[in-house]
Structures are given as C-alpha cells and as structure tokens.
Amino acid sequence: MGSKKVILRIAVASVILSLGIPFAASPQETGVAASAVKSASSAVRTFTPTASTGSKTVQAGSSVKSTSSLPTTVPLVPLVDLKIKNPSSGQEVAFSVQLLLLLTALSLAPSILILLTSFLRISIVLDFMKRALSLQQVPPSQVLMGIALFLTVFIMWPTFETVYNDSLKPLSDGKISVSQAYTAAEKPFRIFMYNQMKTKPDNIRLFMSMRGLPKPNTLADVPTYVLIPAFILNELTVAFKIGILLYIPFIIIDMVVSSILMSMGMIMLPPVMISMPFKLILFVLVDGWGLLTQQLVRSFF
C-alpha cells in the first residue's frame, strides 16, 4: 500500500509540474516527483516512432524518401506565382498604367457593346416582336439576346476589324502609344455612329445646343461625349418606330378576333388565346424572321 501511494503521488506531482501549478509537498516527495518527470521526459525524447507501410515497418529515423519532393510527372497546369514589387524603372511604371487602362476597358466593354454598336436597336426590336406576338416565354430572353449579339457582330465586323488593324495590333507590337491607340480605336466607332445620324442630325444639334457649343462644320468638330448620347437617342427612336410598324398588323388581328368574340357572345373567353395562333400562322407564312433580320441589317447601311 505504501508503494502504491508513492506511485500515485508521483503521478499527481508530474501532472502538476507539467501544468506549472505550485503545490506544497515534502522535500522527499518533491525530489522523487522531479526525478520521475525528468526520466519521463527523457524517455519521450529518446522514443523513436515507427511508421507502418503495408506489411513492412519502417522507423521514422531511418532514411526514407521525402513526400515533399517534386513529382516525377509534371502537372498539366503550371504553378502560378504572384509577386508584388516596387517598380525599378519608368518603363515598369508605364506598363502598370497600361495594364490598369486595359482592365478599365474590359470592365466597360459590356456598356460599349450595348450602347455604341447596333446591339441596342436590334435587342429592342426583337423584344417588340416578342410582345407583338403575345408570347410570354418563347423564345427566352437569353435566346433573343444571343441573336442580337451575333447580329451585332455581323453588322459591326468591319468596324471591329478596323479597330484591330489600326489600334490593337500596332499597340501590341509597340509601334504606337496608348493615346494614339485610343484615337485610332475611337475613329471607326465615331464614323459608324455618325453614319446612323447623318440624314437626321437633330439629336447632335440638341446636345450641342445644351452644351453651348458652336455649330459644327464637320464630324471632327463634334466631341465624342456629345456624339455618344446623340447616337443612343437616335437608336431608341429608330427602334421604337420599327416596333410601331411591327405592332400594326398584329393589332388588327387582335381587333378582328375581339369583335368576332363579342358578336358571338363569348365575353369571358380571352381574345389573346384565339388571336395568338393566327399571329403565329401569319408570321410563319410571311417568313417573319427572315424579313425582320434582313430589314434590321439593311437599316444600318
């Protein structure tokens, strides 16, 4: 019993010493506990763990291949390293500014695509066409936006090609500066926007008068910040005019169907349910999608 008490006191003393808690004990117990803790810690340091791999047991201290070594097969995706450092020359500063301008242009690309191209007119006309046919979910809005996007690429391809040849390619080759590339990229878009308003420049005149600018003699006298809102208003006006013309035949069908239902006493029957099939039949018989696409493309030239 005495030996068991000594062993129990040694265990309690080792735990208290490891936790750093002071305790009151006799000098003999303190010496015995300290020697026990010292021997236990030396045993832990001298203990060598083993790692079991399958049927073999390998000591951790033995020479084994490290798991942090490079793999024998190189991965398909290389490692990407990102380093931030201060510029050491003016050329690096200029490159950082060019990169910032490029990211700004990419963030503004959707707005440029929607407002400075033919996308605005085409998307509005297609939405008018869908509403005139009394269609709710067919075709989906994503499909209409996709059609408008590829029609925009088809119409604006000469402009995009001119911008690439005169601005982007020389800038990537280092032949022109950023300001020269901006001027070269701006010119084709200005010509395209002005061609849509040259027969009726009322919107240009409106914005020039609101800014208090003198009457321009040539296109070069019209600032870009005046030309862009004038072009947007012109596109909205033209798109709404086309939408009115699209609505006329389908409104006539709705009126005829409504009058027939009223004369038959079918007041509770919605006229849209009866008129929509007739609208679709008329639209398909006259090849509506082909005519609409052809007239939309021709309206820009």
C-alpha atoms as a PDB file:
ATOM      1  CA  MET A   1       0.000   0.000   0.000  1.00  0.00           C
ATOM      2  CA  GLY A   2       2.873   2.339   0.722  1.00  0.00           C
ATOM      3  CA  SER A   3       4.409   1.810  -2.711  1.00  0.00           C
ATOM      4  CA  LYS A   4       1.031   2.457  -4.359  1.00  0.00           C
ATOM      5  CA  LYS A   5       0.670   5.765  -2.517  1.00  0.00           C
ATOM      6  CA  VAL A   6       4.145   6.827  -3.584  1.00  0.00           C
ATOM      7  CA  ILE A   7       3.392   5.979  -7.222  1.00  0.00           C
ATOM      8  CA  LEU A   8       0.077   7.888  -7.057  1.00  0.00           C
ATOM      9  CA  ARG A   9       1.781  10.938  -5.529  1.00  0.00           C
ATOM     10  CA  ILE A  10       4.499  10.818  -8.178  1.00  0.00           C
ATOM     11  CA  ALA A  11       1.864  10.771 -10.954  1.00  0.00           C
ATOM     12  CA  VAL A  12      -0.044  13.694  -9.414  1.00  0.00           C
ATOM     13  CA  ALA A  13       3.172  15.644  -8.932  1.00  0.00           C
ATOM     14  CA  SER A  14       4.253  15.103 -12.540  1.00  0.00           C
ATOM     15  CA  VAL A  15       0.877  16.359 -13.800  1.00  0.00           C
ATOM     16  CA  ILE A  16       1.020  19.437 -11.554  1.00  0.00           C
ATOM     17  CA  LEU A  17       4.596  20.199 -12.600  1.00  0.00           C
ATOM     18  CA  SER A  18       3.675  19.897 -16.282  1.00  0.00           C
ATOM     19  CA  LEU A  19       0.813  22.376 -15.748  1.00  0.00           C
ATOM     20  CA  GLY A  20       3.075  24.771 -13.850  1.00  0.00           C
ATOM     21  CA  ILE A  21       0.905  24.793 -10.709  1.00  0.00           C
ATOM     22  CA  PRO A  22       2.812  25.226  -7.457  1.00  0.00           C
ATOM     23  CA  PHE A  23       1.983  22.787  -4.692  1.00  0.00           C
ATOM     24  CA  ALA A  24       3.104  22.120  -1.164  1.00  0.00           C
ATOM     25  CA  ALA A  25       4.895  18.799  -0.613  1.00  0.00           C
ATOM     26  CA  SER A  26       7.674  17.364   1.427  1.00  0.00           C
ATOM     27  CA  PRO A  27      11.219  17.633   0.154  1.00  0.00           C
ATOM     28  CA  GLN A  28      11.436  13.889  -0.390  1.00  0.00           C
ATOM     29  CA  GLU A  29       8.250  13.801  -2.455  1.00  0.00           C
ATOM     30  CA  THR A  30       9.359  16.824  -4.446  1.00  0.00           C
ATOM     31  CA  GLY A  31      12.699  15.215  -5.268  1.00  0.00           C
ATOM     32  CA  VAL A  32      11.089  11.911  -6.214  1.00  0.00           C
ATOM     33  CA  ALA A  33       8.470  13.652  -8.410  1.00  0.00           C
ATOM     34  CA  ALA A  34      11.094  15.788 -10.130  1.00  0.00           C
ATOM     35  CA  SER A  35      13.259  12.775 -10.889  1.00  0.00           C
ATOM     36  CA  ALA A  36      10.194  10.924 -12.215  1.00  0.00           C
ATOM     37  CA  VAL A  37       9.227  13.791 -14.505  1.00  0.00           C
ATOM     38  CA  LYS A  38      12.822  14.109 -15.729  1.00  0.00           C
ATOM     39  CA  SER A  39      13.040  10.414 -16.538  1.00  0.00           C
ATOM     40  CA  ALA A  40       9.644  10.517 -18.310  1.00  0.00           C
ATOM     41  CA  SER A  41      10.676  13.499 -20.486  1.00  0.00           C
ATOM     42  CA  SER A  42      13.998  11.833 -21.389  1.00  0.00           C
ATOM     43  CA  ALA A  43      12.090   8.709 -22.336  1.00  0.00           C
ATOM     44  CA  VAL A  44       9.845  10.733 -24.629  1.00  0.00           C
ATOM     45  CA  ARG A  45      12.865  12.352 -26.318  1.00  0.00           C
ATOM     46  CA  THR A  46      14.612   9.034 -26.853  1.00  0.00           C
ATOM     47  CA  PHE A  47      11.446   7.313 -28.162  1.00  0.00           C
ATOM     48  CA  THR A  48      11.603   6.695 -31.909  1.00  0.00           C
ATOM     49  CA  PRO A  49       8.207   6.270 -33.602  1.00  0.00           C
ATOM     50  CA  THR A  50       7.656   3.833 -36.360  1.00  0.00           C
ATOM     51  CA  ALA A  51       5.554   4.140 -39.491  1.00  0.00           C
ATOM     52  CA  SER A  52       3.747   1.146 -40.826  1.00  0.00           C
ATOM     53  CA  THR A  53       3.570   0.831 -44.605  1.00  0.00           C
ATOM     54  CA  GLY A  54       1.692  -2.314 -45.609  1.00  0.00           C
ATOM     55  CA  SER A  55       3.489  -5.367 -44.296  1.00  0.00           C
ATOM     56  CA  LYS A  56       6.755  -3.545 -43.591  1.00  0.00           C
ATOM     57  CA  THR A  57       7.504  -1.380 -40.551  1.00  0.00           C
ATOM     58  CA  VAL A  58       9.944   1.478 -41.133  1.00  0.00           C
ATOM     59  CA  GLN A  59      11.456   3.582 -38.374  1.00  0.00           C
ATOM     60  CA  ALA A  60      10.925   7.352 -38.653  1.00  0.00           C
ATOM     61  CA  GLY A  61      14.639   7.956 -38.081  1.00  0.00           C
ATOM     62  CA  SER A  62      15.657   5.733 -40.995  1.00  0.00           C
ATOM     63  CA  SER A  63      16.396   7.148 -44.455  1.00  0.00           C
ATOM     64  CA  VAL A  64      13.175   7.341 -46.461  1.00  0.00           C
ATOM     65  CA  LYS A  65      12.150   9.439 -49.462  1.00  0.00           C
ATOM     66  CA  SER A  66      10.587  12.757 -48.526  1.00  0.00           C
ATOM     67  CA  THR A  67       6.974  13.330 -49.532  1.00  0.00           C
ATOM     68  CA  SER A  68       7.709  16.995 -50.359  1.00  0.00           C
ATOM     69  CA  SER A  69       9.963  16.140 -53.302  1.00  0.00           C
ATOM     70  CA  LEU A  70       8.942  17.068 -56.849  1.00  0.00           C
ATOM     71  CA  PRO A  71       6.722  14.530 -58.621  1.00  0.00           C
ATOM     72  CA  THR A  72       8.166  12.505 -61.446  1.00  0.00           C
ATOM     73  CA  THR A  73       5.383  13.626 -63.828  1.00  0.00           C
ATOM     74  CA  VAL A  74       4.979  17.358 -64.404  1.00  0.00           C
ATOM     75  CA  PRO A  75       1.335  18.518 -63.969  1.00  0.00           C
ATOM     76  CA  LEU A  76      -0.527  19.898 -66.956  1.00  0.00           C
ATOM     77  CA  VAL A  77      -1.407  23.150 -65.168  1.00  0.00           C
ATOM     78  CA  PRO A  78       1.765  25.048 -64.206  1.00  0.00           C
ATOM     79  CA  LEU A  79       2.157  26.805 -60.890  1.00  0.00           C
ATOM     80  CA  VAL A  80       1.203  30.489 -60.953  1.00  0.00           C
ATOM     81  CA  ASP A  81       3.378  32.750 -58.863  1.00  0.00           C
ATOM     82  CA  LEU A  82       2.179  36.249 -57.892  1.00  0.00           C
ATOM     83  CA  LYS A  83       4.840  38.687 -56.764  1.00  0.00           C
ATOM     84  CA  ILE A  84       4.369  42.338 -55.823  1.00  0.00           C
ATOM     85  CA  LYS A  85       7.359  44.626 -56.023  1.00  0.00           C
ATOM     86  CA  ASN A  86       8.118  48.277 -56.432  1.00  0.00           C
ATOM     87  CA  PRO A  87       8.867  49.477 -59.989  1.00  0.00           C
ATOM     88  CA  SER A  88      12.548  49.960 -60.642  1.00  0.00           C
ATOM     89  CA  SER A  89      12.258  51.980 -63.862  1.00  0.00           C
ATOM     90  CA  GLY A  90       9.888  54.252 -65.709  1.00  0.00           C
ATOM     91  CA  GLN A  91       9.126  51.504 -68.209  1.00  0.00           C
ATOM     92  CA  GLU A  92       7.657  49.302 -65.481  1.00  0.00           C
ATOM     93  CA  VAL A  93       5.501  52.188 -64.280  1.00  0.00           C
ATOM     94  CA  ALA A  94       4.222  52.727 -67.834  1.00  0.00           C
ATOM     95  CA  PHE A  95       3.398  49.035 -68.133  1.00  0.00           C
ATOM     96  CA  SER A  96       1.423  49.161 -64.874  1.00  0.00           C
ATOM     97  CA  VAL A  97      -0.570  52.126 -66.163  1.00  0.00           C
ATOM     98  CA  GLN A  98      -1.248  50.299 -69.443  1.00  0.00           C
ATOM     99  CA  LEU A  99      -2.427  47.256 -67.513  1.00  0.00           C
ATOM    100  CA  LEU A 100      -4.761  49.449 -65.429  1.00  0.00           C
ATOM    101  CA  LEU A 101      -6.202  51.022 -68.584  1.00  0.00           C
ATOM    102  CA  LEU A 102      -6.708  47.576 -70.111  1.00  0.00           C
ATOM    103  CA  LEU A 103      -8.628  46.337 -67.074  1.00  0.00           C
ATOM    104  CA  THR A 104     -10.743  49.502 -67.150  1.00  0.00           C
ATOM    105  CA  ALA A 105     -11.553  48.955 -70.818  1.00  0.00           C
ATOM    106  CA  LEU A 106     -12.522  45.334 -70.138  1.00  0.00           C
ATOM    107  CA  SER A 107     -14.855  46.395 -67.319  1.00  0.00           C
ATOM    108  CA  LEU A 108     -16.524  48.934 -69.626  1.00  0.00           C
ATOM    109  CA  ALA A 109     -16.721  46.521 -72.577  1.00  0.00           C
ATOM    110  CA  PRO A 110     -20.360  45.432 -71.924  1.00  0.00           C
ATOM    111  CA  SER A 111     -21.524  49.056 -71.862  1.00  0.00           C
ATOM    112  CA  ILE A 112     -19.553  49.816 -75.010  1.00  0.00           C
ATOM    113  CA  LEU A 113     -21.016  46.778 -76.749  1.00  0.00           C
ATOM    114  CA  ILE A 114     -24.587  47.695 -75.805  1.00  0.00           C
ATOM    115  CA  LEU A 115     -24.562  51.457 -76.332  1.00  0.00           C
ATOM    116  CA  LEU A 116     -22.021  52.136 -79.103  1.00  0.00           C
ATOM    117  CA  THR A 117     -22.998  49.382 -81.531  1.00  0.00           C
ATOM    118  CA  SER A 118     -26.082  48.078 -83.293  1.00  0.00           C
ATOM    119  CA  PHE A 119     -26.960  45.896 -80.298  1.00  0.00           C
ATOM    120  CA  LEU A 120     -29.300  48.496 -78.777  1.00  0.00           C
ATOM    121  CA  ARG A 121     -31.601  48.754 -81.787  1.00  0.00           C
ATOM    122  CA  ILE A 122     -31.657  45.015 -82.517  1.00  0.00           C
ATOM    123  CA  SER A 123     -32.426  43.982 -78.926  1.00  0.00           C
ATOM    124  CA  ILE A 124     -35.301  46.467 -78.609  1.00  0.00           C
ATOM    125  CA  VAL A 125     -36.839  45.431 -81.946  1.00  0.00           C
ATOM    126  CA  LEU A 126     -36.663  41.735 -81.050  1.00  0.00           C
ATOM    127  CA  ASP A 127     -38.345  42.411 -77.715  1.00  0.00           C
ATOM    128  CA  PHE A 128     -41.103  44.365 -79.520  1.00  0.00           C
ATOM    129  CA  MET A 129     -41.544  41.418 -81.863  1.00  0.00           C
ATOM    130  CA  LYS A 130     -41.969  39.028 -78.958  1.00  0.00           C
ATOM    131  CA  ARG A 131     -44.559  41.252 -77.284  1.00  0.00           C
ATOM    132  CA  ALA A 132     -46.469  41.847 -80.523  1.00  0.00           C
ATOM    133  CA  LEU A 133     -46.854  38.089 -80.979  1.00  0.00           C
ATOM    134  CA  SER A 134     -48.234  37.869 -77.400  1.00  0.00           C
ATOM    135  CA  LEU A 135     -45.522  35.377 -76.482  1.00  0.00           C
ATOM    136  CA  GLN A 136     -44.536  35.107 -72.840  1.00  0.00           C
ATOM    137  CA  GLN A 137     -41.722  32.549 -72.556  1.00  0.00           C
ATOM    138  CA  VAL A 138     -40.910  31.587 -76.152  1.00  0.00           C
ATOM    139  CA  PRO A 139     -38.304  32.402 -77.293  1.00  0.00           C
ATOM    140  CA  PRO A 140     -36.484  33.004 -73.988  1.00  0.00           C
ATOM    141  CA  SER A 141     -34.826  36.338 -73.355  1.00  0.00           C
ATOM    142  CA  GLN A 142     -31.378  34.698 -73.415  1.00  0.00           C
ATOM    143  CA  VAL A 143     -32.041  33.436 -76.940  1.00  0.00           C
ATOM    144  CA  LEU A 144     -33.103  36.885 -78.121  1.00  0.00           C
ATOM    145  CA  MET A 145     -30.006  38.452 -76.574  1.00  0.00           C
ATOM    146  CA  GLY A 146     -27.862  35.817 -78.283  1.00  0.00           C
ATOM    147  CA  ILE A 147     -29.453  36.586 -81.640  1.00  0.00           C
ATOM    148  CA  ALA A 148     -28.901  40.299 -81.063  1.00  0.00           C
ATOM    149  CA  LEU A 149     -25.266  39.661 -80.111  1.00  0.00           C
ATOM    150  CA  PHE A 150     -24.378  37.684 -83.239  1.00  0.00           C
ATOM    151  CA  LEU A 151     -26.268  40.073 -85.498  1.00  0.00           C
ATOM    152  CA  THR A 152     -24.245  42.862 -83.876  1.00  0.00           C
ATOM    153  CA  VAL A 153     -21.013  41.000 -84.633  1.00  0.00           C
ATOM    154  CA  PHE A 154     -22.160  40.520 -88.233  1.00  0.00           C
ATOM    155  CA  ILE A 155     -23.016  44.198 -88.692  1.00  0.00           C
ATOM    156  CA  MET A 156     -20.059  45.627 -86.757  1.00  0.00           C
ATOM    157  CA  TRP A 157     -17.398  43.263 -88.125  1.00  0.00           C
ATOM    158  CA  PRO A 158     -15.826  45.855 -90.490  1.00  0.00           C
ATOM    159  CA  THR A 159     -15.619  48.325 -87.602  1.00  0.00           C
ATOM    160  CA  PHE A 160     -14.075  45.751 -85.268  1.00  0.00           C
ATOM    161  CA  GLU A 161     -11.592  44.726 -87.948  1.00  0.00           C
ATOM    162  CA  THR A 162     -10.536  48.340 -88.492  1.00  0.00           C
ATOM    163  CA  VAL A 163     -10.060  48.827 -84.741  1.00  0.00           C
ATOM    164  CA  TYR A 164      -7.892  45.709 -84.539  1.00  0.00           C
ATOM    165  CA  ASN A 165      -5.720  46.578 -87.526  1.00  0.00           C
ATOM    166  CA  ASP A 166      -5.256  50.267 -86.705  1.00  0.00           C
ATOM    167  CA  SER A 167      -5.213  50.219 -82.894  1.00  0.00           C
ATOM    168  CA  LEU A 168      -4.815  46.913 -81.066  1.00  0.00           C
ATOM    169  CA  LYS A 169      -2.231  45.242 -83.288  1.00  0.00           C
ATOM    170  CA  PRO A 170       0.127  48.260 -83.546  1.00  0.00           C
ATOM    171  CA  LEU A 171      -0.177  48.785 -79.788  1.00  0.00           C
ATOM    172  CA  SER A 172       0.741  45.157 -79.044  1.00  0.00           C
ATOM    173  CA  ASP A 173       3.696  45.442 -81.454  1.00  0.00           C
ATOM    174  CA  GLY A 174       4.903  48.592 -79.697  1.00  0.00           C
ATOM    175  CA  LYS A 175       4.578  50.813 -82.770  1.00  0.00           C
ATOM    176  CA  ILE A 176       2.163  53.329 -81.239  1.00  0.00           C
ATOM    177  CA  SER A 177       1.452  54.662 -77.766  1.00  0.00           C
ATOM    178  CA  VAL A 178      -1.687  54.220 -75.687  1.00  0.00           C
ATOM    179  CA  SER A 179      -3.051  57.661 -76.580  1.00  0.00           C
ATOM    180  CA  GLN A 180      -2.527  57.001 -80.287  1.00  0.00           C
ATOM    181  CA  ALA A 181      -4.213  53.604 -79.954  1.00  0.00           C
ATOM    182  CA  TYR A 182      -7.203  55.227 -78.235  1.00  0.00           C
ATOM    183  CA  THR A 183      -7.559  57.779 -81.024  1.00  0.00           C
ATOM    184  CA  ALA A 184      -7.289  55.063 -83.683  1.00  0.00           C
ATOM    185  CA  ALA A 185      -9.901  52.898 -81.926  1.00  0.00           C
ATOM    186  CA  GLU A 186     -12.259  55.836 -81.424  1.00  0.00           C
ATOM    187  CA  LYS A 187     -12.342  56.886 -85.069  1.00  0.00           C
ATOM    188  CA  PRO A 188     -14.204  53.834 -86.559  1.00  0.00           C
ATOM    189  CA  PHE A 189     -16.873  53.981 -83.841  1.00  0.00           C
ATOM    190  CA  ARG A 190     -17.361  57.709 -84.424  1.00  0.00           C
ATOM    191  CA  ILE A 191     -17.812  57.117 -88.142  1.00  0.00           C
ATOM    192  CA  PHE A 192     -20.329  54.336 -87.523  1.00  0.00           C
ATOM    193  CA  MET A 193     -22.352  56.442 -85.088  1.00  0.00           C
ATOM    194  CA  TYR A 194     -22.324  59.459 -87.359  1.00  0.00           C
ATOM    195  CA  ASN A 195     -23.455  57.406 -90.386  1.00  0.00           C
ATOM    196  CA  GLN A 196     -26.602  56.455 -88.485  1.00  0.00           C
ATOM    197  CA  MET A 197     -27.431  60.140 -87.869  1.00  0.00           C
ATOM    198  CA  LYS A 198     -26.139  61.930 -90.949  1.00  0.00           C
ATOM    199  CA  THR A 199     -29.588  62.076 -92.582  1.00  0.00           C
ATOM    200  CA  LYS A 200     -31.212  63.402 -89.399  1.00  0.00           C
ATOM    201  CA  PRO A 201     -28.710  65.096 -87.053  1.00  0.00           C
ATOM    202  CA  ASP A 202     -31.357  66.577 -84.765  1.00  0.00           C
ATOM    203  CA  ASN A 203     -30.004  64.800 -81.702  1.00  0.00           C
ATOM    204  CA  ILE A 204     -26.482  66.118 -82.361  1.00  0.00           C
ATOM    205  CA  ARG A 205     -27.887  69.611 -82.674  1.00  0.00           C
ATOM    206  CA  LEU A 206     -29.813  69.141 -79.427  1.00  0.00           C
ATOM    207  CA  PHE A 207     -26.797  68.146 -77.335  1.00  0.00           C
ATOM    208  CA  MET A 208     -24.556  70.740 -78.960  1.00  0.00           C
ATOM    209  CA  SER A 209     -27.050  73.478 -78.058  1.00  0.00           C
ATOM    210  CA  MET A 210     -27.395  72.189 -74.482  1.00  0.00           C
ATOM    211  CA  ARG A 211     -23.622  72.398 -74.053  1.00  0.00           C
ATOM    212  CA  GLY A 212     -23.494  75.834 -75.684  1.00  0.00           C
ATOM    213  CA  LEU A 213     -21.077  74.675 -78.402  1.00  0.00           C
ATOM    214  CA  PRO A 214     -20.916  76.369 -81.823  1.00  0.00           C
ATOM    215  CA  LYS A 215     -22.392  74.768 -84.919  1.00  0.00           C
ATOM    216  CA  PRO A 216     -20.012  72.061 -86.208  1.00  0.00           C
ATOM    217  CA  ASN A 217     -18.815  72.196 -89.787  1.00  0.00           C
ATOM    218  CA  THR A 218     -17.509  68.621 -89.974  1.00  0.00           C
ATOM    219  CA  LEU A 219     -17.698  65.422 -87.953  1.00  0.00           C
ATOM    220  CA  ALA A 220     -14.345  66.226 -86.337  1.00  0.00           C
ATOM    221  CA  ASP A 221     -15.946  69.277 -84.670  1.00  0.00           C
ATOM    222  CA  VAL A 222     -18.435  67.085 -82.750  1.00  0.00           C
ATOM    223  CA  PRO A 223     -16.962  65.889 -79.431  1.00  0.00           C
ATOM    224  CA  THR A 224     -17.273  62.230 -78.561  1.00  0.00           C
ATOM    225  CA  TYR A 225     -19.153  62.966 -75.329  1.00  0.00           C
ATOM    226  CA  VAL A 226     -21.799  64.685 -77.495  1.00  0.00           C
ATOM    227  CA  LEU A 227     -21.870  62.075 -80.247  1.00  0.00           C
ATOM    228  CA  ILE A 228     -22.491  59.100 -77.917  1.00  0.00           C
ATOM    229  CA  PRO A 229     -25.714  60.315 -76.205  1.00  0.00           C
ATOM    230  CA  ALA A 230     -26.999  61.606 -79.550  1.00  0.00           C
ATOM    231  CA  PHE A 231     -26.442  58.163 -81.070  1.00  0.00           C
ATOM    232  CA  ILE A 232     -28.223  56.456 -78.144  1.00  0.00           C
ATOM    233  CA  LEU A 233     -31.300  58.661 -78.523  1.00  0.00           C
ATOM    234  CA  ASN A 234     -31.303  58.086 -82.265  1.00  0.00           C
ATOM    235  CA  GLU A 235     -31.182  54.309 -81.804  1.00  0.00           C
ATOM    236  CA  LEU A 236     -34.041  54.400 -79.314  1.00  0.00           C
ATOM    237  CA  THR A 237     -36.151  56.493 -81.700  1.00  0.00           C
ATOM    238  CA  VAL A 238     -35.499  54.225 -84.677  1.00  0.00           C
ATOM    239  CA  ALA A 239     -36.170  51.073 -82.633  1.00  0.00           C
ATOM    240  CA  PHE A 240     -39.494  52.418 -81.390  1.00  0.00           C
ATOM    241  CA  LYS A 241     -40.536  53.368 -84.924  1.00  0.00           C
ATOM    242  CA  ILE A 242     -39.809  49.836 -86.116  1.00  0.00           C
ATOM    243  CA  GLY A 243     -41.724  48.469 -83.127  1.00  0.00           C
ATOM    244  CA  ILE A 244     -44.802  50.530 -84.040  1.00  0.00           C
ATOM    245  CA  LEU A 245     -44.733  49.191 -87.582  1.00  0.00           C
ATOM    246  CA  LEU A 246     -44.450  45.644 -86.242  1.00  0.00           C
ATOM    247  CA  TYR A 247     -47.407  46.090 -83.934  1.00  0.00           C
ATOM    248  CA  ILE A 248     -49.852  47.326 -86.603  1.00  0.00           C
ATOM    249  CA  PRO A 249     -50.725  44.006 -88.350  1.00  0.00           C
ATOM    250  CA  PHE A 250     -50.953  42.099 -85.069  1.00  0.00           C
ATOM    251  CA  ILE A 251     -53.185  44.761 -83.503  1.00  0.00           C
ATOM    252  CA  ILE A 252     -55.538  44.396 -86.482  1.00  0.00           C
ATOM    253  CA  ILE A 253     -55.708  40.641 -85.827  1.00  0.00           C
ATOM    254  CA  ASP A 254     -56.472  41.277 -82.135  1.00  0.00           C
ATOM    255  CA  MET A 255     -59.254  43.720 -83.028  1.00  0.00           C
ATOM    256  CA  VAL A 256     -60.852  41.337 -85.551  1.00  0.00           C
ATOM    257  CA  VAL A 257     -60.761  38.417 -83.103  1.00  0.00           C
ATOM    258  CA  SER A 258     -62.163  40.556 -80.269  1.00  0.00           C
ATOM    259  CA  SER A 259     -65.057  41.841 -82.410  1.00  0.00           C
ATOM    260  CA  ILE A 260     -65.902  38.306 -83.542  1.00  0.00           C
ATOM    261  CA  LEU A 261     -65.914  37.006 -79.970  1.00  0.00           C
ATOM    262  CA  MET A 262     -68.086  39.922 -78.837  1.00  0.00           C
ATOM    263  CA  SER A 263     -70.585  39.305 -81.633  1.00  0.00           C
ATOM    264  CA  MET A 264     -70.777  35.611 -80.678  1.00  0.00           C
ATOM    265  CA  GLY A 265     -71.358  36.495 -77.038  1.00  0.00           C
ATOM    266  CA  MET A 266     -68.109  34.890 -75.833  1.00  0.00           C
ATOM    267  CA  ILE A 267     -67.221  37.711 -73.491  1.00  0.00           C
ATOM    268  CA  MET A 268     -65.465  35.524 -70.910  1.00  0.00           C
ATOM    269  CA  LEU A 269     -63.075  33.989 -73.461  1.00  0.00           C
ATOM    270  CA  PRO A 270     -59.737  35.908 -73.585  1.00  0.00           C
ATOM    271  CA  PRO A 271     -59.120  37.168 -77.144  1.00  0.00           C
ATOM    272  CA  VAL A 272     -55.366  36.537 -76.784  1.00  0.00           C
ATOM    273  CA  MET A 273     -55.913  32.770 -76.643  1.00  0.00           C
ATOM    274  CA  ILE A 274     -57.629  32.864 -80.051  1.00  0.00           C
ATOM    275  CA  SER A 275     -55.555  35.559 -81.759  1.00  0.00           C
ATOM    276  CA  MET A 276     -52.108  34.206 -80.867  1.00  0.00           C
ATOM    277  CA  PRO A 277     -52.308  31.136 -83.169  1.00  0.00           C
ATOM    278  CA  PHE A 278     -53.412  33.374 -86.055  1.00  0.00           C
ATOM    279  CA  LYS A 279     -50.488  35.708 -85.362  1.00  0.00           C
ATOM    280  CA  LEU A 280     -48.038  32.820 -85.418  1.00  0.00           C
ATOM    281  CA  ILE A 281     -49.532  31.462 -88.642  1.00  0.00           C
ATOM    282  CA  LEU A 282     -49.237  34.873 -90.302  1.00  0.00           C
ATOM    283  CA  PHE A 283     -45.671  35.355 -89.013  1.00  0.00           C
ATOM    284  CA  VAL A 284     -44.539  31.961 -90.301  1.00  0.00           C
ATOM    285  CA  LEU A 285     -46.284  32.272 -93.678  1.00  0.00           C
ATOM    286  CA  VAL A 286     -44.586  35.585 -94.496  1.00  0.00           C
ATOM    287  CA  ASP A 287     -41.166  34.289 -93.241  1.00  0.00           C
ATOM    288  CA  GLY A 288     -41.149  36.818 -90.423  1.00  0.00           C
ATOM    289  CA  TRP A 289     -37.719  36.033 -89.015  1.00  0.00           C
ATOM    290  CA  GLY A 290     -36.058  36.331 -92.398  1.00  0.00           C
ATOM    291  CA  LEU A 291     -37.788  39.610 -93.257  1.00  0.00           C
ATOM    292  CA  LEU A 292     -37.121  41.061 -89.820  1.00  0.00           C
ATOM    293  CA  THR A 293     -33.430  40.155 -89.901  1.00  0.00           C
ATOM    294  CA  GLN A 294     -33.000  41.442 -93.450  1.00  0.00           C
ATOM    295  CA  GLN A 295     -34.622  44.786 -92.707  1.00  0.00           C
ATOM    296  CA  LEU A 296     -32.690  45.200 -89.467  1.00  0.00           C
ATOM    297  CA  VAL A 297     -29.355  44.639 -91.190  1.00  0.00           C
ATOM    298  CA  ARG A 298     -30.284  46.950 -94.057  1.00  0.00           C
ATOM    299  CA  SER A 299     -31.280  49.716 -91.659  1.00  0.00           C
ATOM    300  CA  PHE A 300     -27.615  50.155 -90.684  1.00  0.00           C
ATOM    301  CA  PHE A 301     -26.276  50.574 -94.232  1.00  0.00           C
END
